[in-house]
Amino acid sequence: MPTAYFLINVAINHETEVTEKIKNILGKNSIKFEVQEIYGIYDIVVKIIAESDDHLRQIILEKLRPIDKIQSAITMMVV
């Protein structure tokens, strides 16, 4: 199963808001995921497991990246 880690920086004091939006979006799709708020360089890390590489890319590019208050993000595809 294609897996990716999505590392996110958000606007100050919007971590919980963005985490909830991510959970809501991913909960409506047929994928497995974990979302954690973290301390350090990034604010949120999301592990996403999808049914195909194309579905994984679609979720990240079309659903997650456009979320308001995300300032930057890095996607790491697992090989």
N, C-alpha and C. Protein backbone atom coordinates (compact mmCIF):
# COMPACT_ATOMS: atom_id res chain seq x y z
N MET A 1 0.85 -1.18 0.00
CA MET A 1 0.00 0.00 0.00
C MET A 1 0.89 1.25 0.00
N PRO A 2 0.65 2.17 -0.91
CA PRO A 2 1.42 3.42 -0.96
C PRO A 2 1.24 4.22 0.34
N THR A 3 2.37 4.68 0.87
CA THR A 3 2.37 5.42 2.13
C THR A 3 3.17 6.70 1.97
N ALA A 4 2.73 7.76 2.64
CA ALA A 4 3.47 9.02 2.63
C ALA A 4 3.37 9.66 4.01
N TYR A 5 4.39 10.43 4.33
CA TYR A 5 4.37 11.28 5.51
C TYR A 5 4.28 12.72 5.01
N PHE A 6 3.36 13.47 5.58
CA PHE A 6 3.10 14.85 5.18
C PHE A 6 3.45 15.73 6.39
N LEU A 7 4.55 16.49 6.29
CA LEU A 7 5.04 17.33 7.39
C LEU A 7 4.60 18.76 7.14
N ILE A 8 3.95 19.36 8.14
CA ILE A 8 3.26 20.63 7.94
C ILE A 8 3.69 21.69 8.94
N ASN A 9 3.86 22.91 8.45
CA ASN A 9 4.00 24.11 9.28
C ASN A 9 2.73 24.92 9.10
N VAL A 10 2.17 25.37 10.22
CA VAL A 10 0.93 26.16 10.15
C VAL A 10 1.13 27.51 10.81
N ALA A 11 0.18 28.40 10.58
CA ALA A 11 0.20 29.70 11.22
C ALA A 11 0.14 29.52 12.74
N ILE A 12 0.79 30.40 13.47
CA ILE A 12 0.86 30.31 14.92
C ILE A 12 -0.54 30.21 15.53
N ASN A 13 -0.68 29.28 16.47
CA ASN A 13 -1.92 29.04 17.21
C ASN A 13 -3.06 28.46 16.37
N HIS A 14 -2.75 27.85 15.24
CA HIS A 14 -3.78 27.24 14.40
C HIS A 14 -3.55 25.73 14.22
N GLU A 15 -2.70 25.16 15.05
CA GLU A 15 -2.37 23.75 14.93
C GLU A 15 -3.60 22.85 15.09
N THR A 16 -4.36 23.08 16.13
CA THR A 16 -5.53 22.23 16.39
C THR A 16 -6.59 22.40 15.31
N GLU A 17 -6.80 23.62 14.85
CA GLU A 17 -7.76 23.88 13.78
C GLU A 17 -7.39 23.11 12.51
N VAL A 18 -6.13 23.17 12.13
CA VAL A 18 -5.68 22.47 10.92
C VAL A 18 -5.73 20.96 11.13
N THR A 19 -5.36 20.48 12.30
CA THR A 19 -5.43 19.05 12.60
C THR A 19 -6.86 18.54 12.45
N GLU A 20 -7.82 19.27 12.96
CA GLU A 20 -9.22 18.86 12.85
C GLU A 20 -9.69 18.87 11.40
N LYS A 21 -9.28 19.84 10.62
CA LYS A 21 -9.63 19.88 9.20
C LYS A 21 -9.07 18.67 8.47
N ILE A 22 -7.83 18.32 8.78
CA ILE A 22 -7.20 17.15 8.16
C ILE A 22 -7.96 15.88 8.51
N LYS A 23 -8.27 15.71 9.78
CA LYS A 23 -9.03 14.52 10.21
C LYS A 23 -10.37 14.44 9.51
N ASN A 24 -11.04 15.57 9.37
CA ASN A 24 -12.34 15.61 8.71
C ASN A 24 -12.21 15.22 7.23
N ILE A 25 -11.24 15.78 6.55
CA ILE A 25 -11.03 15.49 5.12
C ILE A 25 -10.65 14.03 4.91
N LEU A 26 -9.67 13.55 5.65
CA LEU A 26 -9.20 12.18 5.45
C LEU A 26 -10.21 11.15 5.92
N GLY A 27 -11.01 11.50 6.91
CA GLY A 27 -12.04 10.59 7.39
C GLY A 27 -13.12 10.31 6.36
N LYS A 28 -13.26 11.18 5.38
CA LYS A 28 -14.27 11.02 4.33
C LYS A 28 -13.76 10.24 3.13
N ASN A 29 -12.49 9.87 3.13
CA ASN A 29 -11.88 9.14 2.02
C ASN A 29 -11.52 7.73 2.45
N SER A 30 -11.40 6.83 1.49
CA SER A 30 -11.11 5.43 1.80
C SER A 30 -9.61 5.19 1.96
N ILE A 31 -9.04 5.83 2.98
CA ILE A 31 -7.62 5.67 3.26
C ILE A 31 -7.41 5.54 4.77
N LYS A 32 -6.28 4.97 5.13
CA LYS A 32 -5.88 4.91 6.54
C LYS A 32 -4.97 6.08 6.80
N PHE A 33 -5.05 6.64 8.01
CA PHE A 33 -4.20 7.79 8.32
C PHE A 33 -4.00 7.93 9.81
N GLU A 34 -2.93 8.64 10.16
CA GLU A 34 -2.66 9.06 11.53
C GLU A 34 -2.26 10.52 11.48
N VAL A 35 -2.75 11.32 12.43
CA VAL A 35 -2.41 12.74 12.50
C VAL A 35 -1.92 13.04 13.90
N GLN A 36 -0.75 13.70 13.99
CA GLN A 36 -0.19 14.07 15.29
C GLN A 36 0.28 15.51 15.27
N GLU A 37 -0.05 16.26 16.31
CA GLU A 37 0.55 17.58 16.50
C GLU A 37 1.88 17.33 17.20
N ILE A 38 2.94 18.00 16.74
CA ILE A 38 4.28 17.75 17.27
C ILE A 38 4.98 19.06 17.59
N TYR A 39 6.03 18.98 18.38
CA TYR A 39 6.89 20.12 18.67
C TYR A 39 8.18 19.96 17.88
N GLY A 40 8.71 21.05 17.40
CA GLY A 40 9.95 21.00 16.65
C GLY A 40 9.85 21.83 15.39
N ILE A 41 10.56 21.41 14.36
CA ILE A 41 10.58 22.15 13.10
C ILE A 41 9.19 22.19 12.47
N TYR A 42 8.46 21.09 12.57
CA TYR A 42 7.11 21.01 11.98
C TYR A 42 6.08 21.02 13.10
N ASP A 43 4.85 21.37 12.74
CA ASP A 43 3.77 21.46 13.72
C ASP A 43 2.87 20.23 13.71
N ILE A 44 2.72 19.62 12.53
CA ILE A 44 1.82 18.48 12.37
C ILE A 44 2.50 17.47 11.46
N VAL A 45 2.36 16.18 11.78
CA VAL A 45 2.80 15.12 10.88
C VAL A 45 1.60 14.22 10.61
N VAL A 46 1.43 13.89 9.33
CA VAL A 46 0.32 13.04 8.91
C VAL A 46 0.90 11.83 8.18
N LYS A 47 0.51 10.64 8.60
CA LYS A 47 0.87 9.42 7.88
C LYS A 47 -0.36 9.00 7.09
N ILE A 48 -0.19 8.83 5.79
CA ILE A 48 -1.32 8.51 4.92
C ILE A 48 -1.01 7.22 4.17
N ILE A 49 -1.96 6.29 4.20
CA ILE A 49 -1.85 5.04 3.45
C ILE A 49 -3.05 4.97 2.52
N ALA A 50 -2.79 4.93 1.21
CA ALA A 50 -3.87 4.94 0.23
C ALA A 50 -3.85 3.66 -0.60
N GLU A 51 -4.86 3.50 -1.43
CA GLU A 51 -4.98 2.29 -2.25
C GLU A 51 -4.08 2.32 -3.48
N SER A 52 -3.65 3.52 -3.90
CA SER A 52 -2.77 3.63 -5.06
C SER A 52 -1.92 4.90 -4.95
N ASP A 53 -0.84 4.94 -5.71
CA ASP A 53 0.00 6.14 -5.74
C ASP A 53 -0.79 7.35 -6.24
N ASP A 54 -1.61 7.12 -7.26
CA ASP A 54 -2.40 8.22 -7.83
C ASP A 54 -3.39 8.77 -6.81
N HIS A 55 -4.03 7.89 -6.07
CA HIS A 55 -4.99 8.34 -5.05
C HIS A 55 -4.27 9.11 -3.95
N LEU A 56 -3.10 8.63 -3.57
CA LEU A 56 -2.29 9.30 -2.55
C LEU A 56 -1.91 10.71 -2.99
N ARG A 57 -1.42 10.83 -4.21
CA ARG A 57 -1.06 12.16 -4.75
C ARG A 57 -2.27 13.08 -4.82
N GLN A 58 -3.40 12.53 -5.26
CA GLN A 58 -4.62 13.33 -5.37
C GLN A 58 -5.05 13.88 -4.01
N ILE A 59 -5.03 13.04 -3.00
CA ILE A 59 -5.41 13.48 -1.65
C ILE A 59 -4.48 14.61 -1.18
N ILE A 60 -3.19 14.42 -1.35
CA ILE A 60 -2.23 15.42 -0.87
C ILE A 60 -2.36 16.73 -1.65
N LEU A 61 -2.37 16.64 -2.97
CA LEU A 61 -2.38 17.85 -3.80
C LEU A 61 -3.72 18.58 -3.81
N GLU A 62 -4.81 17.83 -3.86
CA GLU A 62 -6.13 18.46 -4.02
C GLU A 62 -6.88 18.69 -2.71
N LYS A 63 -6.59 17.89 -1.70
CA LYS A 63 -7.35 17.99 -0.44
C LYS A 63 -6.57 18.64 0.70
N LEU A 64 -5.30 18.25 0.86
CA LEU A 64 -4.56 18.73 2.03
C LEU A 64 -3.81 20.03 1.79
N ARG A 65 -3.07 20.13 0.71
CA ARG A 65 -2.28 21.34 0.47
C ARG A 65 -3.10 22.63 0.45
N PRO A 66 -4.33 22.61 -0.07
CA PRO A 66 -5.11 23.86 -0.09
C PRO A 66 -5.69 24.31 1.26
N ILE A 67 -5.51 23.54 2.32
CA ILE A 67 -6.09 23.91 3.62
C ILE A 67 -5.55 25.26 4.06
N ASP A 68 -6.48 26.12 4.44
CA ASP A 68 -6.14 27.46 4.93
C ASP A 68 -5.30 27.32 6.20
N LYS A 69 -4.36 28.20 6.39
CA LYS A 69 -3.46 28.29 7.55
C LYS A 69 -2.24 27.39 7.44
N ILE A 70 -2.15 26.53 6.39
CA ILE A 70 -0.91 25.79 6.16
C ILE A 70 0.06 26.73 5.48
N GLN A 71 1.20 26.96 6.11
CA GLN A 71 2.20 27.87 5.55
C GLN A 71 3.18 27.15 4.64
N SER A 72 3.56 25.94 5.01
CA SER A 72 4.45 25.13 4.17
C SER A 72 4.26 23.65 4.52
N ALA A 73 4.64 22.81 3.56
CA ALA A 73 4.50 21.37 3.80
C ALA A 73 5.50 20.62 2.94
N ILE A 74 5.91 19.48 3.44
CA ILE A 74 6.80 18.58 2.72
C ILE A 74 6.14 17.20 2.70
N THR A 75 6.15 16.59 1.54
CA THR A 75 5.62 15.24 1.41
C THR A 75 6.78 14.28 1.21
N MET A 76 6.80 13.22 2.01
CA MET A 76 7.83 12.18 1.87
C MET A 76 7.13 10.87 1.55
N MET A 77 7.34 10.39 0.34
CA MET A 77 6.75 9.13 -0.10
C MET A 77 7.64 7.99 0.40
N VAL A 78 7.04 6.97 0.95
CA VAL A 78 7.76 5.81 1.45
C VAL A 78 8.04 4.88 0.28
N VAL A 79 9.28 4.38 0.19
CA VAL A 79 9.63 3.46 -0.90
C VAL A 79 9.68 2.03 -0.42
